[in-house]
N, C-alpha and C. Protein backbone atom coordinates (compact mmCIF):
# COMPACT_ATOMS: atom_id res chain seq x y z
N MET A 1 4.22 -11.69 0.87
CA MET A 1 4.92 -11.18 1.98
C MET A 1 4.51 -9.73 1.81
N ARG A 2 4.17 -9.06 2.72
CA ARG A 2 3.73 -7.74 2.96
C ARG A 2 4.20 -6.64 3.86
N PHE A 3 4.41 -5.70 3.64
CA PHE A 3 4.85 -4.85 4.85
C PHE A 3 4.17 -3.65 4.35
N GLY A 4 3.80 -2.89 5.78
CA GLY A 4 2.76 -1.79 5.52
C GLY A 4 3.38 -0.64 6.83
N LEU A 5 3.25 0.67 6.57
CA LEU A 5 3.75 1.64 7.64
C LEU A 5 2.19 1.99 7.86
N THR A 6 1.74 2.08 8.61
CA THR A 6 0.39 2.70 9.09
C THR A 6 0.58 4.21 10.38
N ASN A 7 -0.15 5.01 10.48
CA ASN A 7 -0.19 6.02 11.44
C ASN A 7 -0.79 5.44 12.60
N LEU A 8 -1.27 6.29 13.71
CA LEU A 8 -1.69 6.07 15.02
C LEU A 8 -3.37 4.97 14.69
N ILE A 9 -4.20 5.60 13.60
CA ILE A 9 -5.13 5.28 13.63
C ILE A 9 -5.43 3.95 12.37
N GLY A 10 -4.67 3.30 12.30
CA GLY A 10 -4.27 2.15 11.59
C GLY A 10 -4.62 2.83 9.60
N GLU A 11 -4.30 3.60 9.26
CA GLU A 11 -4.25 4.63 7.75
C GLU A 11 -2.49 3.98 7.17
N VAL A 12 -3.01 3.29 6.21
CA VAL A 12 -1.91 2.60 5.48
C VAL A 12 -1.00 3.99 4.76
N ARG A 13 0.24 4.30 5.12
CA ARG A 13 0.75 5.44 4.71
C ARG A 13 2.00 4.76 3.41
N HIS A 14 2.46 3.51 3.72
CA HIS A 14 3.38 3.18 2.72
C HIS A 14 3.02 1.90 2.67
N ARG A 15 3.39 0.93 1.73
CA ARG A 15 3.18 -0.10 1.48
C ARG A 15 4.80 -0.87 0.88
N TRP A 16 4.70 -2.03 1.18
CA TRP A 16 5.96 -2.90 -0.38
C TRP A 16 5.80 -4.17 -0.02
N GLU A 17 5.44 -4.74 -1.26
CA GLU A 17 5.05 -6.21 -1.28
C GLU A 17 6.11 -7.03 -2.02
N THR A 18 6.29 -8.44 -1.91
CA THR A 18 7.20 -9.33 -2.79
C THR A 18 6.84 -10.68 -2.97
N PRO A 19 6.87 -11.58 -3.61
CA PRO A 19 6.38 -12.83 -3.57
C PRO A 19 7.25 -13.65 -2.95
N VAL A 20 6.39 -14.57 -2.13
CA VAL A 20 7.42 -15.67 -1.52
C VAL A 20 6.95 -17.00 -2.48
N VAL A 21 7.95 -18.20 -2.42
CA VAL A 21 7.60 -19.51 -3.34
C VAL A 21 7.67 -19.92 -1.98
N TRP A 22 6.64 -20.73 -1.92
CA TRP A 22 6.06 -21.77 -0.97
C TRP A 22 6.84 -22.88 -1.02
N GLY A 23 7.45 -23.04 0.18
CA GLY A 23 8.19 -24.04 0.77
C GLY A 23 9.92 -24.06 0.52
N ARG A 24 10.08 -22.46 -0.46
CA ARG A 24 11.63 -22.32 -0.23
C ARG A 24 11.92 -21.16 0.64
N LYS A 25 13.27 -21.62 1.52
CA LYS A 25 13.71 -20.90 2.57
C LYS A 25 13.85 -19.34 2.10
N LEU A 26 13.14 -18.66 3.00
CA LEU A 26 12.80 -17.41 3.07
C LEU A 26 13.78 -16.61 3.69
N ASP A 27 14.97 -15.96 3.22
CA ASP A 27 16.45 -15.13 3.68
C ASP A 27 15.99 -14.35 4.38
N ALA A 28 16.48 -13.81 5.27
CA ALA A 28 16.09 -12.95 6.62
C ALA A 28 16.50 -11.62 5.78
N GLU A 29 17.29 -11.23 4.71
CA GLU A 29 17.71 -10.20 3.88
C GLU A 29 16.20 -10.02 3.37
N VAL A 30 15.19 -10.53 2.98
CA VAL A 30 14.01 -10.09 2.54
C VAL A 30 13.34 -9.15 3.44
N LEU A 31 13.31 -9.49 4.63
CA LEU A 31 12.73 -9.01 5.60
C LEU A 31 13.63 -7.39 5.77
N ARG A 32 15.01 -7.24 5.83
CA ARG A 32 15.65 -6.19 5.98
C ARG A 32 15.06 -5.22 4.66
N LYS A 33 15.04 -5.78 3.83
CA LYS A 33 15.00 -5.01 2.71
C LYS A 33 13.16 -4.52 2.24
N GLY A 34 12.51 -5.26 3.20
CA GLY A 34 10.95 -4.91 3.16
C GLY A 34 10.82 -3.46 4.22
N VAL A 35 11.28 -3.95 5.30
CA VAL A 35 11.42 -2.74 6.38
C VAL A 35 12.28 -1.36 6.06
N GLN A 36 13.21 -1.84 5.21
CA GLN A 36 14.06 -0.98 4.72
C GLN A 36 13.13 0.33 3.67
N SER A 37 12.82 -0.75 2.88
CA SER A 37 11.95 0.07 1.29
C SER A 37 10.78 0.74 2.09
N LEU A 38 10.29 0.80 3.50
CA LEU A 38 8.93 1.41 3.87
C LEU A 38 9.51 2.64 4.49
N LEU A 39 10.52 2.23 5.13
CA LEU A 39 11.68 3.43 6.37
C LEU A 39 12.06 4.43 5.21
N ALA A 40 12.37 4.05 4.18
CA ALA A 40 13.35 5.09 3.02
C ALA A 40 12.09 5.80 2.37
N ASN A 41 10.98 5.85 2.67
CA ASN A 41 9.89 7.12 2.06
C ASN A 41 9.74 8.20 2.91
N LEU A 42 10.71 7.66 4.59
CA LEU A 42 10.12 9.18 5.62
C LEU A 42 11.50 9.87 5.52
N ASP A 43 11.14 10.98 6.07
CA ASP A 43 12.45 12.09 5.99
C ASP A 43 12.66 11.86 7.60
N THR A 44 13.78 12.68 7.95
CA THR A 44 14.36 12.17 9.43
C THR A 44 13.18 12.63 10.56
N ALA A 45 12.51 13.85 10.58
CA ALA A 45 11.45 14.10 11.28
C ALA A 45 10.52 12.68 11.40
N GLU A 46 9.98 12.64 10.22
CA GLU A 46 8.99 11.89 10.13
C GLU A 46 9.22 9.92 10.98
N ARG A 47 10.96 9.75 10.28
CA ARG A 47 11.41 8.53 10.98
C ARG A 47 11.68 8.50 12.51
N SER A 48 11.95 9.80 12.83
CA SER A 48 11.94 9.63 14.57
C SER A 48 10.56 9.39 15.03
N ARG A 49 9.20 9.28 14.56
CA ARG A 49 8.11 9.33 14.80
C ARG A 49 7.69 7.78 14.94
N VAL A 50 8.26 6.66 14.53
CA VAL A 50 7.95 5.43 14.25
C VAL A 50 8.03 4.68 15.50
N LEU A 51 7.41 4.28 15.73
CA LEU A 51 7.56 3.81 17.65
C LEU A 51 7.58 2.61 17.46
N ALA A 52 7.19 1.42 16.88
CA ALA A 52 7.43 0.18 17.12
C ALA A 52 7.25 -0.54 15.71
N LEU A 53 7.21 -1.56 15.75
CA LEU A 53 7.40 -2.93 14.45
C LEU A 53 6.06 -3.77 15.14
N GLY A 54 4.91 -4.23 14.29
CA GLY A 54 4.09 -4.92 14.35
C GLY A 54 4.02 -6.22 13.49
N VAL A 55 4.19 -7.51 14.22
CA VAL A 55 4.38 -8.42 13.04
C VAL A 55 3.22 -9.43 12.86
N SER A 56 2.65 -9.88 11.97
CA SER A 56 1.82 -10.97 12.15
C SER A 56 2.65 -12.23 11.47
N TYR A 57 2.83 -13.33 11.94
CA TYR A 57 3.36 -14.21 11.36
C TYR A 57 2.54 -15.47 10.92
N THR A 58 3.19 -16.39 10.13
CA THR A 58 2.74 -17.84 9.91
C THR A 58 3.59 -18.57 10.52
N GLY A 59 3.38 -19.61 11.02
CA GLY A 59 3.73 -20.54 11.59
C GLY A 59 3.47 -20.70 12.84
N ILE A 60 4.34 -21.67 13.32
CA ILE A 60 4.67 -21.51 14.96
C ILE A 60 5.65 -20.84 15.51
N MET A 61 5.65 -20.18 16.76
CA MET A 61 6.65 -19.54 17.29
C MET A 61 6.92 -19.83 18.81
N ASP A 62 8.19 -19.97 19.07
CA ASP A 62 8.39 -20.96 20.22
C ASP A 62 8.75 -19.80 21.46
N ALA A 63 9.22 -20.20 22.60
CA ALA A 63 9.15 -18.94 23.62
C ALA A 63 10.37 -18.35 23.67
N GLU A 64 11.28 -18.87 22.54
CA GLU A 64 12.26 -17.94 22.49
C GLU A 64 12.63 -16.99 21.13
N GLY A 65 11.23 -16.66 20.58
CA GLY A 65 10.86 -15.85 19.46
C GLY A 65 11.56 -16.68 18.09
N ARG A 66 11.39 -18.13 18.18
CA ARG A 66 11.82 -18.63 17.01
C ARG A 66 10.62 -19.31 16.17
N VAL A 67 10.57 -19.42 14.80
CA VAL A 67 9.45 -19.81 14.06
C VAL A 67 10.02 -20.84 13.08
N SER A 68 9.03 -22.00 13.35
CA SER A 68 8.93 -22.99 11.98
C SER A 68 7.61 -22.69 11.35
N ALA A 69 8.10 -22.62 10.22
CA ALA A 69 6.50 -22.22 9.18
C ALA A 69 7.18 -23.03 7.77
N VAL A 70 6.67 -23.88 7.55
CA VAL A 70 6.90 -25.05 6.42
C VAL A 70 6.76 -24.02 5.11
N ASN A 71 5.59 -23.13 5.10
CA ASN A 71 5.59 -22.48 3.84
C ASN A 71 6.38 -21.52 3.34
N LEU A 72 7.46 -21.22 4.40
CA LEU A 72 8.84 -20.43 4.45
C LEU A 72 10.02 -20.65 4.36
N GLY A 73 9.60 -22.19 4.70
CA GLY A 73 10.90 -23.19 4.63
C GLY A 73 11.71 -22.90 5.67
N TRP A 74 11.18 -22.57 6.76
CA TRP A 74 11.68 -22.10 8.16
C TRP A 74 11.54 -23.02 9.01
N LYS A 75 13.02 -23.47 10.08
CA LYS A 75 12.65 -24.33 10.98
C LYS A 75 13.55 -23.63 12.26
N ASP A 76 12.97 -23.21 13.26
CA ASP A 76 13.48 -22.50 14.33
C ASP A 76 14.33 -21.27 13.63
N PHE A 77 13.58 -20.42 13.29
CA PHE A 77 14.00 -19.44 12.27
C PHE A 77 14.09 -18.19 13.64
N PRO A 78 14.86 -17.65 13.86
CA PRO A 78 14.93 -16.54 15.00
C PRO A 78 14.28 -14.94 14.42
N LEU A 79 12.81 -15.26 14.26
CA LEU A 79 12.31 -14.09 13.83
C LEU A 79 12.48 -13.02 14.37
N GLN A 80 12.16 -12.73 15.86
CA GLN A 80 11.94 -11.63 17.00
C GLN A 80 13.25 -11.10 17.01
N GLU A 81 14.59 -12.16 16.71
CA GLU A 81 15.75 -11.64 16.92
C GLU A 81 16.27 -10.89 15.82
N LYS A 82 16.07 -11.45 14.73
CA LYS A 82 16.42 -10.80 13.14
C LYS A 82 15.52 -9.53 13.10
N LEU A 83 14.24 -9.05 13.53
CA LEU A 83 13.33 -8.03 13.02
C LEU A 83 13.77 -7.07 14.04
N ARG A 84 13.95 -7.38 15.20
CA ARG A 84 14.58 -6.49 16.36
C ARG A 84 15.71 -5.64 15.78
N SER A 85 16.81 -6.45 15.34
CA SER A 85 17.90 -6.31 15.28
C SER A 85 18.08 -5.28 13.82
N ILE A 86 16.88 -5.55 13.01
CA ILE A 86 16.98 -4.56 11.87
C ILE A 86 16.59 -3.38 11.70
N VAL A 87 15.51 -3.33 12.82
CA VAL A 87 14.96 -1.74 13.12
C VAL A 87 14.93 -1.23 14.22
N GLY A 88 15.53 -1.97 15.32
CA GLY A 88 16.02 -1.17 16.35
C GLY A 88 15.08 -0.22 17.24
N LEU A 89 13.93 -1.13 17.41
CA LEU A 89 12.62 -0.55 17.84
C LEU A 89 11.86 -1.70 18.43
N PRO A 90 11.34 -1.44 19.20
CA PRO A 90 10.17 -2.26 19.80
C PRO A 90 9.20 -3.10 18.90
N ALA A 91 9.10 -4.67 19.06
CA ALA A 91 8.60 -5.46 18.48
C ALA A 91 7.55 -6.14 19.03
N PHE A 92 6.29 -6.57 18.34
CA PHE A 92 5.23 -7.13 18.91
C PHE A 92 5.04 -7.80 17.91
N PHE A 93 4.42 -9.05 18.00
CA PHE A 93 4.38 -10.02 17.43
C PHE A 93 2.90 -11.24 17.34
N CYS A 94 2.17 -11.16 16.53
CA CYS A 94 0.96 -12.06 16.56
C CYS A 94 1.00 -12.86 15.85
N SER A 95 0.28 -14.20 16.42
CA SER A 95 0.34 -15.22 14.87
C SER A 95 -0.65 -14.85 13.72
N GLU A 96 -0.33 -15.25 12.73
CA GLU A 96 -1.28 -14.95 11.43
C GLU A 96 -2.91 -15.06 12.25
N SER A 97 -3.22 -16.39 12.59
CA SER A 97 -4.29 -17.29 12.51
C SER A 97 -5.33 -15.79 14.06
N LEU A 98 -4.47 -15.39 14.87
CA LEU A 98 -4.89 -14.34 15.99
C LEU A 98 -5.14 -13.48 15.25
N ALA A 99 -4.34 -12.55 14.24
CA ALA A 99 -4.22 -11.55 13.47
C ALA A 99 -5.97 -11.67 12.72
N LYS A 100 -6.33 -12.59 12.00
CA LYS A 100 -7.32 -12.67 11.31
C LYS A 100 -8.34 -12.73 11.76
N LEU A 101 -8.72 -13.57 13.11
CA LEU A 101 -9.11 -13.51 14.07
C LEU A 101 -10.07 -12.16 14.55
N MET A 102 -8.73 -11.42 15.50
CA MET A 102 -9.31 -10.10 15.61
C MET A 102 -9.43 -9.36 14.62
N ALA A 103 -9.25 -9.09 13.42
CA ALA A 103 -9.80 -8.46 12.34
C ALA A 103 -11.13 -8.76 11.96
N GLU A 104 -11.89 -9.86 12.24
CA GLU A 104 -13.13 -10.26 11.80
C GLU A 104 -14.02 -9.35 13.32
């Protein structure tokens, strides 16, 4: 799992990674730790300029923002709710497959 902090032109300013074991349930604490690790690199002025969170997720998301992903051990995991509560910022979500397609 990778976390990255970019500026408005897409340059990666900070990054954090952690391995994920396929099929083992990924705890929300990993998400909090990843986001906090990136934000810890910022001083107060820089932190105030963070505008939003962009998320590329694996699996299938339902209309309520819950994700089911076999590789992460998630069934109806409230991804949108968890991430928005962690960062307190607007969050935008895109499926992994759509993100790959747009990158091409």
